[in-house]
Protein backbone atom coordinates (compact mmCIF):
# COMPACT_ATOMS: atom_id res chain seq x y z
CA MET A 1 -7.72 40.67 0.87
CA ASP A 2 -5.07 40.79 -1.77
CA GLU A 3 -7.10 42.16 -4.84
CA GLU A 4 -4.98 39.93 -7.43
CA LEU A 5 -5.20 36.91 -4.99
CA LYS A 6 -8.99 37.31 -4.88
CA MET A 7 -9.28 37.37 -8.52
CA GLU A 8 -7.58 34.49 -8.77
CA ILE A 9 -9.21 32.34 -6.66
CA GLY A 10 -12.60 33.57 -7.48
CA ARG A 11 -11.84 32.79 -11.19
CA ARG A 12 -11.07 29.16 -10.21
CA LEU A 13 -14.08 28.65 -7.72
CA GLU A 14 -16.29 29.75 -10.68
CA THR A 15 -16.12 26.44 -11.85
CA LEU A 16 -17.91 24.93 -9.06
CA ARG A 17 -20.91 26.78 -10.47
CA HIS A 18 -20.64 25.28 -13.64
CA LEU A 19 -21.04 21.81 -12.38
CA GLN A 20 -24.33 22.14 -11.41
CA GLU A 21 -25.27 21.78 -15.32
CA ILE A 22 -24.56 18.18 -15.05
CA VAL A 23 -26.90 17.90 -12.18
CA PRO A 24 -30.51 17.09 -12.76
CA GLU A 25 -33.19 19.56 -11.60
CA VAL A 26 -34.45 17.34 -9.00
CA GLY A 27 -31.01 17.13 -7.57
CA LEU A 28 -28.50 13.99 -7.08
CA MET A 29 -30.20 10.73 -6.55
CA HIS A 30 -29.15 8.16 -3.89
CA PRO A 31 -26.04 10.06 -2.66
CA GLU A 32 -25.80 8.17 0.60
CA ASP A 33 -25.66 4.74 -1.59
CA VAL A 34 -23.35 5.90 -4.27
CA ALA A 35 -20.77 7.32 -1.15
CA LYS A 36 -21.17 3.79 0.20
CA GLU A 37 -20.19 2.29 -2.86
CA MET A 38 -17.13 4.93 -3.36
CA ASN A 39 -15.94 4.04 0.35
CA ASP A 40 -16.24 -0.03 -0.91
CA LEU A 41 -13.87 0.71 -3.72
CA ILE A 42 -11.61 3.06 -1.72
CA SER A 43 -11.75 3.33 2.20
CA GLU A 44 -12.41 6.44 3.83
CA GLU A 45 -9.34 5.85 5.69
CA PHE A 46 -7.16 7.19 2.85
CA GLU A 47 -9.04 10.35 2.79
CA PRO A 48 -7.91 13.30 2.30
CA TYR A 49 -4.91 11.42 0.32
CA PHE A 50 -7.08 9.65 -1.99
CA SER A 51 -9.06 12.73 -3.14
CA GLY A 52 -5.94 15.14 -2.39
CA ASN A 53 -4.06 13.21 -5.18
CA ALA A 54 -6.64 13.43 -7.54
CA ALA A 55 -6.59 16.85 -7.32
CA LEU A 56 -2.94 17.04 -7.85
CA HIS A 57 -3.33 14.60 -10.57
CA LEU A 58 -5.99 17.03 -12.54
CA SER A 59 -3.41 20.16 -11.73
CA ALA A 60 -0.45 18.50 -13.24
CA THR A 61 0.53 18.81 -16.75
CA CYS A 62 2.35 15.94 -18.29
CA GLN A 63 5.90 17.35 -19.97
CA ARG A 64 6.07 14.35 -22.19
CA CYS A 65 9.73 13.37 -21.11
CA GLY A 66 8.95 9.89 -21.35
CA ARG A 67 10.78 8.70 -17.82
CA CYS A 68 7.74 6.66 -16.65
CA CYS A 69 7.16 5.23 -20.12
CA ASN A 70 10.81 4.02 -20.58
CA GLU A 71 12.35 3.78 -16.97
CA GLU A 72 9.21 1.59 -15.52
CA LYS A 73 10.29 -1.94 -15.81
CA THR A 74 7.15 -3.68 -15.62
CA ILE A 75 3.79 -2.32 -16.54
CA ALA A 76 0.83 -4.30 -15.67
CA ILE A 77 -2.22 -4.40 -18.23
CA SER A 78 -5.89 -5.69 -17.89
CA PHE A 79 -7.56 -7.49 -19.88
CA GLU A 80 -9.99 -4.42 -20.74
CA ASP A 81 -7.05 -2.43 -21.27
CA CYS A 82 -5.79 -4.72 -24.21
CA ARG A 83 -9.28 -5.10 -25.38
CA MET A 84 -9.68 -0.94 -25.63
CA ILE A 85 -6.08 -0.67 -27.09
CA ALA A 86 -6.50 -3.61 -29.61
CA GLY A 87 -9.30 -1.63 -31.16
CA TYR A 88 -7.69 1.72 -31.30
CA LEU A 89 -4.59 0.07 -33.13
CA GLY A 90 -7.17 -1.83 -35.51
CA LEU A 91 -5.85 -5.22 -34.49
CA SER A 92 -7.41 -8.25 -33.20
CA LEU A 93 -7.62 -8.70 -29.50
CA LYS A 94 -5.48 -12.03 -29.76
CA ARG A 95 -2.97 -10.15 -32.55
CA PHE A 96 -2.27 -7.33 -29.87
CA MET A 97 -2.01 -9.75 -26.71
CA MET A 98 0.71 -12.26 -28.53
CA LYS A 99 2.34 -9.02 -30.12
CA TYR A 100 2.64 -6.63 -27.04
CA THR A 101 1.96 -8.18 -23.84
CA ARG A 102 3.38 -11.05 -21.77
CA PRO A 103 2.13 -13.31 -18.98
CA HIS A 104 1.73 -11.64 -15.84
CA GLU A 105 4.68 -11.95 -13.35
CA LEU A 106 2.21 -12.95 -10.56
CA ALA A 107 -0.13 -16.26 -10.20
CA ARG A 108 -3.35 -15.94 -12.33
CA SER A 109 -5.18 -16.70 -9.23
CA VAL A 110 -3.99 -13.50 -7.86
CA VAL A 111 -4.14 -11.30 -10.69
CA GLY A 112 -6.96 -12.68 -12.95
CA ASN A 113 -6.44 -12.24 -16.42
CA ALA A 114 -4.17 -9.31 -16.15
CA ARG A 115 -0.97 -9.40 -18.03
CA MET A 116 2.38 -7.53 -18.35
CA MET A 117 3.35 -4.84 -21.47
CA ARG A 118 6.16 -6.71 -23.51
CA LYS A 119 8.75 -3.81 -23.69
CA GLU A 120 11.42 -3.12 -26.31
CA LYS A 121 14.73 -4.96 -25.54
CA ASP A 122 16.32 -1.71 -24.26
CA GLY A 123 13.39 -1.60 -21.77
CA SER A 124 11.28 1.11 -23.27
CA CYS A 125 7.67 1.24 -24.06
CA PRO A 126 6.67 0.39 -27.50
CA PHE A 127 3.98 3.18 -27.82
CA TYR A 128 6.53 5.74 -26.45
CA ASN A 129 7.59 7.85 -29.64
CA SER A 130 10.14 10.46 -29.08
CA ASP A 131 8.88 12.29 -32.37
CA LEU A 132 5.60 13.43 -31.13
CA PRO A 133 6.80 13.56 -28.36
CA GLY A 134 4.80 11.22 -25.98
CA CYS A 135 2.51 8.12 -25.93
CA GLU A 136 0.87 6.95 -29.44
CA ILE A 137 -2.06 5.61 -27.47
CA HIS A 138 -2.50 8.26 -24.94
CA PRO A 139 -6.43 8.21 -25.19
CA VAL A 140 -6.63 4.34 -24.29
CA LYS A 141 -3.31 4.01 -22.61
CA PRO A 142 -3.19 1.36 -19.54
CA GLN A 143 -4.83 2.07 -16.41
CA VAL A 144 -1.75 2.11 -14.26
CA CYS A 145 -0.41 4.61 -16.69
CA SER A 146 -3.25 7.00 -16.21
CA ALA A 147 -2.59 6.83 -12.61
CA ALA A 148 1.10 7.65 -12.25
CA TYR A 149 1.99 8.87 -9.99
CA TYR A 150 -0.05 10.56 -7.80
CA LEU A 151 -2.97 7.54 -8.05
CA SER A 152 -0.35 4.47 -7.95
CA LYS A 153 -1.67 2.06 -5.57
CA MET A 154 1.82 2.23 -3.95
CA ASN A 155 1.81 6.06 -3.36
CA LEU A 156 -1.74 5.83 -1.93
CA LEU A 157 -0.30 3.71 0.59
CA LEU A 158 2.58 5.76 1.35
CA CYS A 159 0.56 8.86 1.75
CA GLU A 160 -1.89 6.88 4.14
CA GLU A 161 0.98 5.59 6.19
CA THR A 162 3.19 8.62 6.55
CA ARG A 163 -0.14 11.12 6.86
CA ARG A 164 1.47 13.35 4.19
CA PHE A 165 1.51 13.73 0.54
CA SER A 166 4.23 12.55 -1.73
CA THR A 167 6.73 14.38 -4.01
CA PHE A 168 8.19 13.46 -7.35
CA PRO A 169 11.47 14.70 -7.92
CA GLN A 170 12.36 12.84 -10.92
CA CYS A 171 9.23 13.77 -12.80
CA PRO A 172 9.43 17.10 -14.07
CA SER A 173 5.45 17.23 -14.44
CA ASP A 174 5.41 17.21 -10.28
CA VAL A 175 8.53 19.56 -10.23
CA ASP A 176 6.60 21.89 -12.61
CA LEU A 177 3.21 21.47 -10.28
CA ARG A 178 4.91 21.99 -7.19
CA GLY A 179 6.61 25.17 -8.23
CA ARG A 180 3.12 26.27 -9.25
CA MET A 181 1.61 25.36 -5.98
CA ARG A 182 4.51 26.70 -3.91
CA ASN A 183 4.12 30.29 -5.27
CA PHE A 184 0.55 29.94 -4.80
CA ILE A 185 0.98 28.86 -1.41
CA ILE A 186 3.11 31.80 -0.42
CA LYS A 187 0.26 34.13 -1.62
CA LEU A 188 -2.16 32.47 0.92
CA ARG A 189 0.67 32.88 3.90
CA ASN A 190 1.36 36.25 2.89
CA ASP A 191 -2.37 36.76 3.37
CA PRO A 192 -4.44 35.15 6.30
CA GLU A 193 -7.59 36.53 5.41
CA ALA A 194 -7.55 34.55 2.20
CA LYS A 195 -5.94 31.54 3.11
CA SER A 196 -8.64 31.28 6.17
CA GLU A 197 -11.58 31.91 3.93
CA LEU A 198 -10.30 29.12 1.02
CA ALA A 199 -10.08 26.56 3.67
CA GLN A 200 -13.15 27.26 5.28
CA THR A 201 -14.76 27.24 1.74
CA PHE A 202 -13.65 23.47 1.58
CA GLN A 203 -14.90 22.38 4.78
CA SER A 204 -18.43 24.19 4.62
CA SER A 205 -21.65 22.70 3.60
CA GLN A 206 -22.73 24.57 0.49
CA PRO A 207 -23.97 22.63 -2.25
CA GLU A 208 -22.00 23.39 -4.89
CA VAL A 209 -18.88 22.51 -2.49
CA ARG A 210 -20.32 19.24 -1.74
CA LEU A 211 -20.77 18.15 -5.56
CA PHE A 212 -17.35 18.78 -6.25
CA LEU A 213 -15.72 16.95 -3.39
CA GLN A 214 -18.13 14.05 -4.33
CA LEU A 215 -17.30 14.49 -8.29
CA LEU A 216 -13.70 14.94 -7.26
CA ARG A 217 -13.86 11.62 -5.55
CA LEU A 218 -15.66 10.15 -8.37
CA LYS A 219 -13.07 11.26 -10.74
CA GLY A 220 -10.49 9.42 -8.53
CA LEU A 221 -11.94 6.61 -9.02
CA GLU A 222 -12.53 6.60 -12.69
CA ILE A 223 -8.44 7.53 -12.92
CA TYR A 224 -7.63 4.72 -10.43
CA PHE A 225 -10.03 1.98 -11.65
CA GLY A 226 -11.01 3.03 -15.28
CA ARG A 227 -14.58 4.49 -16.85
CA ASP A 228 -16.45 1.25 -16.64
CA LYS A 229 -16.15 1.07 -12.77
CA VAL A 230 -17.60 4.69 -12.39
CA THR A 231 -20.38 4.75 -15.10
CA PRO A 232 -22.91 2.88 -12.89
CA LEU A 233 -22.47 5.14 -9.97
CA VAL A 234 -22.64 8.38 -12.20
CA LYS A 235 -26.26 6.47 -13.48
CA MET A 236 -26.98 5.91 -9.72
CA LEU A 237 -26.56 9.85 -9.05
CA GLY A 238 -28.71 10.59 -12.11
CA LEU A 239 -25.73 13.13 -13.50
CA LYS A 240 -26.17 14.21 -16.84
CA ARG A 241 -22.14 12.78 -17.53
CA MET A 242 -19.07 12.26 -15.83
CA PRO A 243 -17.36 15.96 -15.64
CA GLU A 244 -14.34 16.06 -18.02
CA ASP A 245 -10.86 16.71 -16.33
CA GLU A 246 -11.02 20.59 -17.47
CA GLU A 247 -14.28 21.06 -15.68
CA LEU A 248 -12.87 20.05 -12.31
CA ARG A 249 -8.71 21.17 -12.85
CA HIS A 250 -9.30 24.78 -11.64
CA ALA A 251 -10.90 24.23 -8.15
CA ALA A 252 -9.10 20.77 -7.56
CA PHE A 253 -5.86 23.35 -7.75
CA LEU A 254 -7.27 24.95 -5.23
CA TYR A 255 -8.04 22.37 -3.06
CA ALA A 256 -4.96 20.69 -3.47
CA ALA A 257 -2.87 23.88 -2.29
CA VAL A 258 -5.21 23.97 1.12
CA LEU A 259 -4.09 20.30 1.71
CA LEU A 260 -0.39 21.01 0.96
CA GLU A 261 -0.27 24.10 2.83
CA ALA A 262 -1.29 22.33 5.63
CA GLN A 263 1.98 20.24 5.47
CA GLU A 264 3.77 23.16 7.23
CA ASP A 265 7.13 22.00 5.74
CA PHE A 266 5.97 22.17 2.13
């Protein structure tokens, strides 16, 4: 095995060991019940595309170009989104909703109390600031913004239908990620031993690997649905806390690379 590649893989897999720090000494509690709850939220039919897209999401770095902020014509915003953003801005919920939202385009019987972001006259998002550059409410931005592009509902449906991962050539972040992935996958393909060992790692029954995959799926649910949805599951497992993105990112890159490498024309 190439020594440089071996060191890179080892460094990234080291994060698996650190994840054990958030597990109680007695081990995970009710893992089967939590797995069932997660499957009720997102069917296993979407695997490996749900977890794979969660891994891609964690591996990507936003380039703050503002394309998705300004070119996406409709942004759905939940009541919980409104509450969090209003608090972040120091506005009353009523004031925020009147100033920054409008009624949803779909019937209330379909979308409940969700609304739409009120865009500027030129179609841009009122919270995108080109001087930053980036989102002025990034810590509390709407859930649909947090999930774009990898964990959007449309992309998950497309992946499940085509049985392959999507690319987003209009997104500089995805272009950057695919370049890094491509370089790493070339190294793997030039080293069959490393490629085989890495693939076997994520198929193994090692406790730290099983934990990582469960936490990765849980992180995907957090990105897709919001933290409030996964907090009860974190408590059911007995975890000390939900892992931060950075704690999963390095191993997530390897997991995504293994899945993408399987797409022979990547």
